[in-house]
């Protein structure tokens, strides 16, 4: 629930529409939204599949087997979270999701217990997960240059030396 809330915030969903974790209220709102929205079209289908592929790229998966495995997991979790009806309209592959959400909830509760009983270990795990997420985003292969009028200023030269 928190992941979907965060992604919604990232894409610009207005704050009043971002529920703070009350699963029952969020589920009711989701059902209402489904009743009011038209079914997803071709553009929505292409975007959904592109997002799944993009996550594997961001995760640094280069092997075709690793990419397919991660994509399969993403399709499965998405199917479990938003339901068969919508993901079928998005042409996601058919997959079994029985027991997936309870297992994910159990992992979430284990993380909460770890936070409470071993906060240092939990912090190290979070830091490692963040580094893993950010590793593929390194910009070493890209060169950026300031516009000439900015590059000529003393402050820009000093900042460039610091970096």
N, C-alpha and C. Protein backbone atom coordinates (compact mmCIF):
# COMPACT_ATOMS: atom_id res chain seq x y z
N UNK A 1 0.84 -1.19 0.00
CA UNK A 1 0.00 0.00 0.00
C UNK A 1 0.88 1.25 0.00
N UNK A 2 1.93 1.22 0.81
CA UNK A 2 2.79 2.40 0.89
C UNK A 2 3.54 2.63 -0.41
N UNK A 3 3.94 1.55 -1.08
CA UNK A 3 4.62 1.69 -2.37
C UNK A 3 3.71 2.35 -3.39
N UNK A 4 2.46 1.89 -3.46
CA UNK A 4 1.52 2.49 -4.41
C UNK A 4 1.26 3.94 -4.04
N UNK A 5 1.18 4.24 -2.75
CA UNK A 5 0.98 5.63 -2.31
C UNK A 5 2.16 6.49 -2.76
N UNK A 6 3.37 5.98 -2.57
CA UNK A 6 4.57 6.73 -2.94
C UNK A 6 4.64 6.94 -4.45
N UNK A 7 4.38 5.90 -5.22
CA UNK A 7 4.39 6.03 -6.67
C UNK A 7 3.34 7.03 -7.12
N UNK A 8 2.17 6.98 -6.49
CA UNK A 8 1.12 7.94 -6.83
C UNK A 8 1.57 9.36 -6.54
N UNK A 9 2.25 9.54 -5.42
CA UNK A 9 2.77 10.88 -5.08
C UNK A 9 3.80 11.32 -6.11
N UNK A 10 4.68 10.40 -6.54
CA UNK A 10 5.71 10.74 -7.52
C UNK A 10 5.12 11.19 -8.85
N UNK A 11 4.01 10.58 -9.25
CA UNK A 11 3.42 10.94 -10.54
C UNK A 11 2.46 12.12 -10.43
N UNK A 12 2.35 12.71 -9.24
CA UNK A 12 1.59 13.95 -9.12
C UNK A 12 0.17 13.84 -8.64
N UNK A 13 -0.20 12.73 -8.02
CA UNK A 13 -1.55 12.60 -7.48
C UNK A 13 -1.75 13.64 -6.38
N UNK A 14 -2.84 14.39 -6.40
CA UNK A 14 -3.07 15.41 -5.35
C UNK A 14 -3.07 14.79 -3.96
N UNK A 15 -2.51 15.50 -3.00
CA UNK A 15 -2.36 15.01 -1.63
C UNK A 15 -3.65 14.47 -1.01
N UNK A 16 -4.82 15.13 -1.20
CA UNK A 16 -6.04 14.59 -0.59
C UNK A 16 -6.41 13.19 -1.08
N UNK A 17 -5.91 12.80 -2.25
CA UNK A 17 -6.23 11.49 -2.79
C UNK A 17 -5.24 10.41 -2.34
N UNK A 18 -4.19 10.81 -1.62
CA UNK A 18 -3.20 9.85 -1.14
C UNK A 18 -3.57 9.42 0.25
N UNK A 19 -4.14 8.25 0.38
CA UNK A 19 -4.55 7.76 1.69
C UNK A 19 -3.33 7.38 2.50
N UNK A 20 -3.42 7.56 3.79
CA UNK A 20 -2.26 7.39 4.67
C UNK A 20 -2.12 5.96 5.19
N UNK A 21 -2.61 4.98 4.50
CA UNK A 21 -2.36 3.61 4.90
C UNK A 21 -3.57 2.86 5.41
N UNK A 22 -4.74 3.48 5.48
CA UNK A 22 -5.94 2.76 5.90
C UNK A 22 -6.37 1.89 4.72
N UNK A 23 -6.05 0.62 4.80
CA UNK A 23 -6.28 -0.28 3.68
C UNK A 23 -7.75 -0.40 3.29
N UNK A 24 -8.63 -0.45 4.27
CA UNK A 24 -10.06 -0.60 3.97
C UNK A 24 -10.59 0.62 3.23
N UNK A 25 -10.23 1.81 3.69
CA UNK A 25 -10.69 3.04 3.02
C UNK A 25 -10.09 3.14 1.62
N UNK A 26 -8.83 2.77 1.48
CA UNK A 26 -8.18 2.78 0.17
C UNK A 26 -8.87 1.80 -0.77
N UNK A 27 -9.22 0.63 -0.29
CA UNK A 27 -9.90 -0.37 -1.11
C UNK A 27 -11.26 0.15 -1.58
N UNK A 28 -11.99 0.80 -0.68
CA UNK A 28 -13.30 1.37 -1.06
C UNK A 28 -13.12 2.45 -2.14
N UNK A 29 -12.12 3.30 -1.95
CA UNK A 29 -11.85 4.35 -2.94
C UNK A 29 -11.45 3.75 -4.28
N UNK A 30 -10.65 2.70 -4.25
CA UNK A 30 -10.22 2.02 -5.46
C UNK A 30 -11.43 1.44 -6.20
N UNK A 31 -12.32 0.80 -5.47
CA UNK A 31 -13.53 0.24 -6.10
C UNK A 31 -14.38 1.34 -6.73
N UNK A 32 -14.49 2.47 -6.05
CA UNK A 32 -15.24 3.60 -6.60
C UNK A 32 -14.58 4.12 -7.87
N UNK A 33 -13.25 4.25 -7.85
CA UNK A 33 -12.52 4.72 -9.02
C UNK A 33 -12.71 3.76 -10.20
N UNK A 34 -12.67 2.46 -9.93
CA UNK A 34 -12.88 1.48 -11.00
C UNK A 34 -14.26 1.62 -11.63
N UNK A 35 -15.25 1.90 -10.79
CA UNK A 35 -16.62 2.03 -11.31
C UNK A 35 -16.77 3.26 -12.19
N UNK A 36 -15.96 4.30 -11.93
CA UNK A 36 -16.09 5.56 -12.67
C UNK A 36 -15.18 5.66 -13.89
N UNK A 37 -14.10 4.92 -13.89
CA UNK A 37 -13.11 5.03 -14.96
C UNK A 37 -13.46 4.12 -16.13
N UNK A 38 -13.16 4.55 -17.34
CA UNK A 38 -13.33 3.64 -18.48
C UNK A 38 -12.21 2.59 -18.43
N UNK A 39 -12.40 1.48 -19.14
CA UNK A 39 -11.33 0.48 -19.16
C UNK A 39 -10.06 1.05 -19.80
N UNK A 40 -8.90 0.51 -19.40
CA UNK A 40 -7.65 1.03 -19.97
C UNK A 40 -7.58 0.76 -21.46
N UNK A 41 -7.02 1.71 -22.19
CA UNK A 41 -6.88 1.57 -23.64
C UNK A 41 -5.48 1.09 -24.02
N UNK A 42 -5.18 1.21 -25.30
CA UNK A 42 -3.89 0.75 -25.81
C UNK A 42 -2.73 1.52 -25.18
N UNK A 43 -2.89 2.83 -25.00
CA UNK A 43 -1.81 3.62 -24.41
C UNK A 43 -1.51 3.17 -22.99
N UNK A 44 -2.56 2.94 -22.21
CA UNK A 44 -2.36 2.48 -20.84
C UNK A 44 -1.67 1.12 -20.81
N UNK A 45 -2.02 0.26 -21.74
CA UNK A 45 -1.39 -1.07 -21.81
C UNK A 45 0.09 -0.93 -22.12
N UNK A 46 0.42 -0.11 -23.11
CA UNK A 46 1.84 0.09 -23.47
C UNK A 46 2.62 0.70 -22.30
N UNK A 47 2.03 1.67 -21.63
CA UNK A 47 2.70 2.31 -20.49
C UNK A 47 2.93 1.31 -19.37
N UNK A 48 1.93 0.50 -19.06
CA UNK A 48 2.06 -0.49 -17.98
C UNK A 48 3.19 -1.47 -18.26
N UNK A 49 3.25 -1.97 -19.47
CA UNK A 49 4.31 -2.93 -19.82
C UNK A 49 5.68 -2.25 -19.85
N UNK A 50 5.72 -1.01 -20.31
CA UNK A 50 6.98 -0.27 -20.33
C UNK A 50 7.49 -0.02 -18.92
N UNK A 51 6.58 0.27 -17.99
CA UNK A 51 7.00 0.47 -16.59
C UNK A 51 7.60 -0.80 -16.01
N UNK A 52 7.00 -1.94 -16.29
CA UNK A 52 7.55 -3.21 -15.80
C UNK A 52 8.94 -3.43 -16.37
N UNK A 53 9.12 -3.16 -17.65
CA UNK A 53 10.44 -3.32 -18.27
C UNK A 53 11.44 -2.32 -17.71
N UNK A 54 10.99 -1.10 -17.44
CA UNK A 54 11.89 -0.07 -16.91
C UNK A 54 12.41 -0.44 -15.52
N UNK A 55 11.58 -1.06 -14.71
CA UNK A 55 12.02 -1.44 -13.36
C UNK A 55 13.18 -2.43 -13.45
N UNK A 56 13.12 -3.36 -14.39
CA UNK A 56 14.22 -4.32 -14.52
C UNK A 56 15.51 -3.62 -14.95
N UNK A 57 15.37 -2.59 -15.77
CA UNK A 57 16.54 -1.83 -16.18
C UNK A 57 17.10 -1.06 -14.99
N UNK A 58 16.24 -0.40 -14.24
CA UNK A 58 16.69 0.35 -13.06
C UNK A 58 17.32 -0.56 -12.02
N UNK A 59 16.85 -1.79 -11.95
CA UNK A 59 17.40 -2.74 -10.98
C UNK A 59 18.73 -3.32 -11.46
N UNK A 60 19.13 -2.97 -12.67
CA UNK A 60 20.42 -3.43 -13.18
C UNK A 60 20.43 -4.85 -13.71
N UNK A 61 19.26 -5.38 -14.02
CA UNK A 61 19.17 -6.75 -14.53
C UNK A 61 19.57 -6.73 -16.01
N UNK A 62 20.65 -7.42 -16.36
CA UNK A 62 21.11 -7.43 -17.74
C UNK A 62 20.90 -8.78 -18.41
N UNK A 63 20.93 -9.84 -17.65
CA UNK A 63 20.71 -11.17 -18.21
C UNK A 63 19.24 -11.32 -18.60
N UNK A 64 18.97 -11.87 -19.78
CA UNK A 64 17.57 -12.06 -20.19
C UNK A 64 16.78 -12.91 -19.18
N UNK A 65 17.42 -13.91 -18.59
CA UNK A 65 16.72 -14.76 -17.62
C UNK A 65 16.37 -13.96 -16.37
N UNK A 66 17.31 -13.15 -15.87
CA UNK A 66 17.05 -12.34 -14.68
C UNK A 66 15.97 -11.30 -14.96
N UNK A 67 16.00 -10.71 -16.16
CA UNK A 67 14.99 -9.71 -16.52
C UNK A 67 13.60 -10.35 -16.57
N UNK A 68 13.49 -11.51 -17.22
CA UNK A 68 12.19 -12.19 -17.31
C UNK A 68 11.68 -12.59 -15.93
N UNK A 69 12.59 -13.05 -15.08
CA UNK A 69 12.19 -13.46 -13.73
C UNK A 69 11.65 -12.27 -12.95
N UNK A 70 12.36 -11.15 -13.00
CA UNK A 70 11.91 -9.97 -12.27
C UNK A 70 10.60 -9.44 -12.85
N UNK A 71 10.49 -9.43 -14.16
CA UNK A 71 9.25 -8.96 -14.79
C UNK A 71 8.08 -9.85 -14.38
N UNK A 72 8.31 -11.13 -14.33
CA UNK A 72 7.25 -12.06 -13.91
C UNK A 72 6.81 -11.74 -12.48
N UNK A 73 7.77 -11.49 -11.60
CA UNK A 73 7.43 -11.13 -10.22
C UNK A 73 6.64 -9.83 -10.17
N UNK A 74 7.05 -8.84 -10.97
CA UNK A 74 6.33 -7.56 -10.98
C UNK A 74 4.90 -7.73 -11.50
N UNK A 75 4.74 -8.51 -12.55
CA UNK A 75 3.40 -8.76 -13.06
C UNK A 75 2.54 -9.45 -12.00
N UNK A 76 3.13 -10.42 -11.30
CA UNK A 76 2.39 -11.17 -10.28
C UNK A 76 1.97 -10.27 -9.13
N UNK A 77 2.89 -9.45 -8.61
CA UNK A 77 2.55 -8.57 -7.49
C UNK A 77 1.50 -7.55 -7.93
N UNK A 78 1.65 -7.01 -9.13
CA UNK A 78 0.67 -6.04 -9.63
C UNK A 78 -0.70 -6.69 -9.74
N UNK A 79 -0.74 -7.91 -10.26
CA UNK A 79 -2.01 -8.64 -10.38
C UNK A 79 -2.64 -8.83 -9.00
N UNK A 80 -1.82 -9.18 -8.01
CA UNK A 80 -2.35 -9.40 -6.66
C UNK A 80 -2.86 -8.10 -6.06
N UNK A 81 -2.19 -6.99 -6.35
CA UNK A 81 -2.57 -5.71 -5.74
C UNK A 81 -3.80 -5.08 -6.38
N UNK A 82 -3.88 -5.13 -7.72
CA UNK A 82 -4.98 -4.40 -8.35
C UNK A 82 -6.05 -5.29 -8.96
N UNK A 83 -5.84 -6.60 -8.93
CA UNK A 83 -6.91 -7.51 -9.32
C UNK A 83 -6.85 -7.99 -10.76
N UNK A 84 -7.44 -9.15 -10.97
CA UNK A 84 -7.41 -9.80 -12.28
C UNK A 84 -8.10 -8.99 -13.36
N UNK A 85 -9.22 -8.37 -13.01
CA UNK A 85 -10.01 -7.67 -14.04
C UNK A 85 -9.18 -6.58 -14.73
N UNK A 86 -8.51 -5.75 -13.95
CA UNK A 86 -7.75 -4.64 -14.54
C UNK A 86 -6.51 -5.14 -15.25
N UNK A 87 -5.77 -6.06 -14.63
CA UNK A 87 -4.53 -6.51 -15.29
C UNK A 87 -4.83 -7.33 -16.54
N UNK A 88 -5.96 -8.01 -16.57
CA UNK A 88 -6.34 -8.70 -17.81
C UNK A 88 -6.60 -7.67 -18.91
N UNK A 89 -7.22 -6.54 -18.57
CA UNK A 89 -7.44 -5.49 -19.55
C UNK A 89 -6.12 -4.87 -20.01
N UNK A 90 -5.08 -4.95 -19.16
CA UNK A 90 -3.76 -4.44 -19.52
C UNK A 90 -2.90 -5.50 -20.22
N UNK A 91 -3.49 -6.65 -20.48
CA UNK A 91 -2.82 -7.76 -21.16
C UNK A 91 -1.59 -8.27 -20.40
N UNK A 92 -1.68 -8.28 -19.08
CA UNK A 92 -0.61 -8.87 -18.28
C UNK A 92 -0.73 -10.38 -18.40
N UNK A 93 0.38 -11.09 -18.27
CA UNK A 93 0.30 -12.56 -18.35
C UNK A 93 -0.51 -13.13 -17.19
N UNK A 94 -1.20 -14.22 -17.45
CA UNK A 94 -1.97 -14.89 -16.41
C UNK A 94 -1.01 -15.55 -15.43
N UNK A 95 -1.24 -15.32 -14.14
CA UNK A 95 -0.39 -15.90 -13.11
C UNK A 95 -1.22 -16.15 -11.87
N UNK A 96 -0.81 -17.14 -11.09
CA UNK A 96 -1.48 -17.42 -9.82
C UNK A 96 -0.93 -16.47 -8.77
N UNK A 97 -1.82 -15.95 -7.94
CA UNK A 97 -1.40 -15.02 -6.89
C UNK A 97 -1.85 -15.48 -5.51
N UNK A 98 -2.37 -16.71 -5.42
CA UNK A 98 -2.88 -17.22 -4.14
C UNK A 98 -1.76 -17.20 -3.11
N UNK A 99 -2.03 -16.54 -1.99
CA UNK A 99 -1.07 -16.50 -0.88
C UNK A 99 0.00 -15.44 -1.00
N UNK A 100 0.07 -14.74 -2.13
CA UNK A 100 1.13 -13.75 -2.32
C UNK A 100 0.99 -12.57 -1.37
N UNK A 101 -0.20 -11.97 -1.30
CA UNK A 101 -0.36 -10.80 -0.43
C UNK A 101 -0.17 -11.13 1.04
N UNK A 102 -0.70 -12.25 1.55
CA UNK A 102 -0.39 -12.58 2.95
C UNK A 102 1.12 -12.76 3.19
N UNK A 103 1.82 -13.34 2.22
CA UNK A 103 3.27 -13.51 2.37
C UNK A 103 3.96 -12.15 2.40
N UNK A 104 3.54 -11.24 1.53
CA UNK A 104 4.15 -9.90 1.52
C UNK A 104 3.83 -9.14 2.81
N UNK A 105 2.60 -9.31 3.31
CA UNK A 105 2.25 -8.68 4.60
C UNK A 105 3.12 -9.23 5.72
N UNK A 106 3.36 -10.54 5.69
CA UNK A 106 4.21 -11.16 6.70
C UNK A 106 5.62 -10.62 6.65
N UNK A 107 6.16 -10.43 5.45
CA UNK A 107 7.50 -9.84 5.32
C UNK A 107 7.52 -8.41 5.85
N UNK A 108 6.46 -7.68 5.57
CA UNK A 108 6.37 -6.31 6.07
C UNK A 108 6.35 -6.29 7.59
N UNK A 109 5.60 -7.20 8.19
CA UNK A 109 5.56 -7.27 9.66
C UNK A 109 6.91 -7.68 10.24
N UNK A 110 7.62 -8.58 9.56
CA UNK A 110 8.96 -8.95 10.01
C UNK A 110 9.90 -7.74 9.98
N UNK A 111 9.78 -6.92 8.93
CA UNK A 111 10.60 -5.71 8.85
C UNK A 111 10.27 -4.75 10.00
N UNK A 112 8.98 -4.64 10.32
CA UNK A 112 8.57 -3.79 11.44
C UNK A 112 9.16 -4.29 12.75
N UNK A 113 9.14 -5.60 12.96
CA UNK A 113 9.74 -6.17 14.17
C UNK A 113 11.24 -5.94 14.21
N UNK A 114 11.88 -6.08 13.07
CA UNK A 114 13.31 -5.82 12.99
C UNK A 114 13.61 -4.37 13.35
N UNK A 115 12.78 -3.45 12.87
CA UNK A 115 12.93 -2.03 13.22
C UNK A 115 12.87 -1.83 14.73
N UNK A 116 11.95 -2.54 15.36
CA UNK A 116 11.73 -2.37 16.79
C UNK A 116 12.85 -3.02 17.61
N UNK A 117 13.26 -4.25 17.23
CA UNK A 117 14.17 -5.02 18.07
C UNK A 117 15.63 -4.93 17.64
N UNK A 118 15.90 -4.58 16.40
CA UNK A 118 17.29 -4.47 15.93
C UNK A 118 17.39 -3.30 14.95
N UNK A 119 17.19 -2.07 15.44
CA UNK A 119 17.14 -0.92 14.53
C UNK A 119 18.43 -0.71 13.73
N UNK A 120 19.59 -1.04 14.32
CA UNK A 120 20.84 -0.85 13.58
C UNK A 120 20.90 -1.79 12.37
N UNK A 121 20.48 -3.03 12.57
CA UNK A 121 20.47 -3.99 11.47
C UNK A 121 19.47 -3.55 10.40
N UNK A 122 18.31 -3.10 10.83
CA UNK A 122 17.29 -2.64 9.88
C UNK A 122 17.81 -1.45 9.08
N UNK A 123 18.54 -0.55 9.73
CA UNK A 123 19.08 0.62 9.03
C UNK A 123 20.12 0.18 7.99
N UNK A 124 20.97 -0.79 8.33
CA UNK A 124 21.96 -1.29 7.37
C UNK A 124 21.27 -1.93 6.17
N UNK A 125 20.19 -2.67 6.43
CA UNK A 125 19.46 -3.31 5.34
C UNK A 125 18.83 -2.27 4.42
N UNK A 126 18.25 -1.21 5.02
CA UNK A 126 17.65 -0.14 4.21
C UNK A 126 18.71 0.54 3.36
N UNK A 127 19.87 0.81 3.95
CA UNK A 127 20.95 1.47 3.21
C UNK A 127 21.41 0.59 2.05
N UNK A 128 21.55 -0.71 2.30
CA UNK A 128 21.97 -1.62 1.23
C UNK A 128 20.93 -1.67 0.12
N UNK A 129 19.65 -1.69 0.49
CA UNK A 129 18.59 -1.70 -0.52
C UNK A 129 18.62 -0.42 -1.35
N UNK A 130 18.85 0.73 -0.70
CA UNK A 130 18.91 2.00 -1.42
C UNK A 130 20.09 2.01 -2.39
N UNK A 131 21.24 1.54 -1.95
CA UNK A 131 22.42 1.50 -2.83
C UNK A 131 22.13 0.59 -4.02
N UNK A 132 21.51 -0.55 -3.77
CA UNK A 132 21.17 -1.48 -4.86
C UNK A 132 20.23 -0.81 -5.85
N UNK A 133 19.28 -0.04 -5.35
CA UNK A 133 18.35 0.66 -6.24
C UNK A 133 19.04 1.75 -7.05
N UNK A 134 19.97 2.47 -6.42
CA UNK A 134 20.60 3.61 -7.08
C UNK A 134 21.79 3.24 -7.96
N UNK A 135 22.40 2.08 -7.76
CA UNK A 135 23.59 1.70 -8.52
C UNK A 135 23.42 1.85 -10.03
N UNK A 136 22.34 1.35 -10.61
CA UNK A 136 22.21 1.48 -12.07
C UNK A 136 22.01 2.91 -12.54
N UNK A 137 21.76 3.82 -11.63
CA UNK A 137 21.48 5.20 -12.02
C UNK A 137 22.72 6.08 -12.03
N UNK A 138 23.91 5.49 -11.87
CA UNK A 138 25.11 6.30 -11.87
C UNK A 138 25.23 7.03 -13.20
N UNK A 139 25.75 8.22 -13.12
CA UNK A 139 25.83 9.07 -14.31
C UNK A 139 27.24 9.18 -14.85
N UNK A 140 28.10 8.21 -14.55
CA UNK A 140 29.49 8.28 -14.98
C UNK A 140 29.62 8.30 -16.50
N UNK A 141 28.69 7.75 -17.20
CA UNK A 141 28.77 7.69 -18.66
C UNK A 141 28.26 8.97 -19.33
N UNK A 142 27.78 9.90 -18.55
CA UNK A 142 27.21 11.10 -19.11
C UNK A 142 28.05 12.32 -18.71
N UNK A 143 28.23 13.23 -19.63
CA UNK A 143 28.97 14.46 -19.34
C UNK A 143 28.00 15.63 -19.43
N UNK A 144 28.06 16.48 -18.45
CA UNK A 144 27.20 17.64 -18.43
C UNK A 144 28.09 18.88 -18.42
N UNK A 145 27.69 19.90 -19.13
CA UNK A 145 28.45 21.15 -19.09
C UNK A 145 27.48 22.30 -18.89
N UNK A 146 27.96 23.29 -18.18
CA UNK A 146 27.16 24.48 -17.93
C UNK A 146 27.13 25.35 -19.17
N UNK A 147 26.09 26.14 -19.32
CA UNK A 147 26.09 27.13 -20.41
C UNK A 147 27.30 28.06 -20.23
N UNK A 148 27.84 28.58 -21.34
CA UNK A 148 29.06 29.39 -21.30
C UNK A 148 29.00 30.54 -20.31
N UNK A 149 27.84 31.27 -20.28
CA UNK A 149 27.75 32.42 -19.39
C UNK A 149 27.81 32.01 -17.91
N UNK A 150 27.31 30.81 -17.57
CA UNK A 150 27.39 30.34 -16.19
C UNK A 150 28.77 29.75 -15.87
N UNK A 151 29.35 29.06 -16.83
CA UNK A 151 30.65 28.42 -16.60
C UNK A 151 31.72 29.46 -16.35
N UNK A 152 31.54 30.67 -16.89
CA UNK A 152 32.55 31.71 -16.74
C UNK A 152 32.53 32.37 -15.36
N UNK A 153 31.50 32.13 -14.55
CA UNK A 153 31.43 32.78 -13.24
C UNK A 153 32.37 32.10 -12.25
N UNK A 154 32.97 32.87 -11.32
CA UNK A 154 33.89 32.28 -10.33
C UNK A 154 33.22 31.20 -9.47
N UNK A 155 31.96 31.38 -9.10
CA UNK A 155 31.27 30.40 -8.25
C UNK A 155 31.15 29.06 -8.96
N UNK A 156 30.84 29.08 -10.26
CA UNK A 156 30.71 27.84 -11.01
C UNK A 156 32.04 27.12 -11.11
N UNK A 157 33.12 27.87 -11.32
CA UNK A 157 34.44 27.26 -11.37
C UNK A 157 34.82 26.61 -10.05
N UNK A 158 34.52 27.30 -8.93
CA UNK A 158 34.79 26.74 -7.60
C UNK A 158 33.99 25.47 -7.36
N UNK A 159 32.73 25.50 -7.72
CA UNK A 159 31.85 24.32 -7.51
C UNK A 159 32.33 23.15 -8.35
N UNK A 160 32.79 23.41 -9.59
CA UNK A 160 33.28 22.35 -10.46
C UNK A 160 34.52 21.69 -9.84
N UNK A 161 35.39 22.49 -9.22
CA UNK A 161 36.59 21.94 -8.58
C UNK A 161 36.22 21.08 -7.38
N UNK A 162 35.14 21.46 -6.66
CA UNK A 162 34.71 20.70 -5.48
C UNK A 162 34.15 19.35 -5.87
N UNK A 163 33.47 19.30 -7.01
CA UNK A 163 32.85 18.04 -7.45
C UNK A 163 33.91 17.15 -8.00
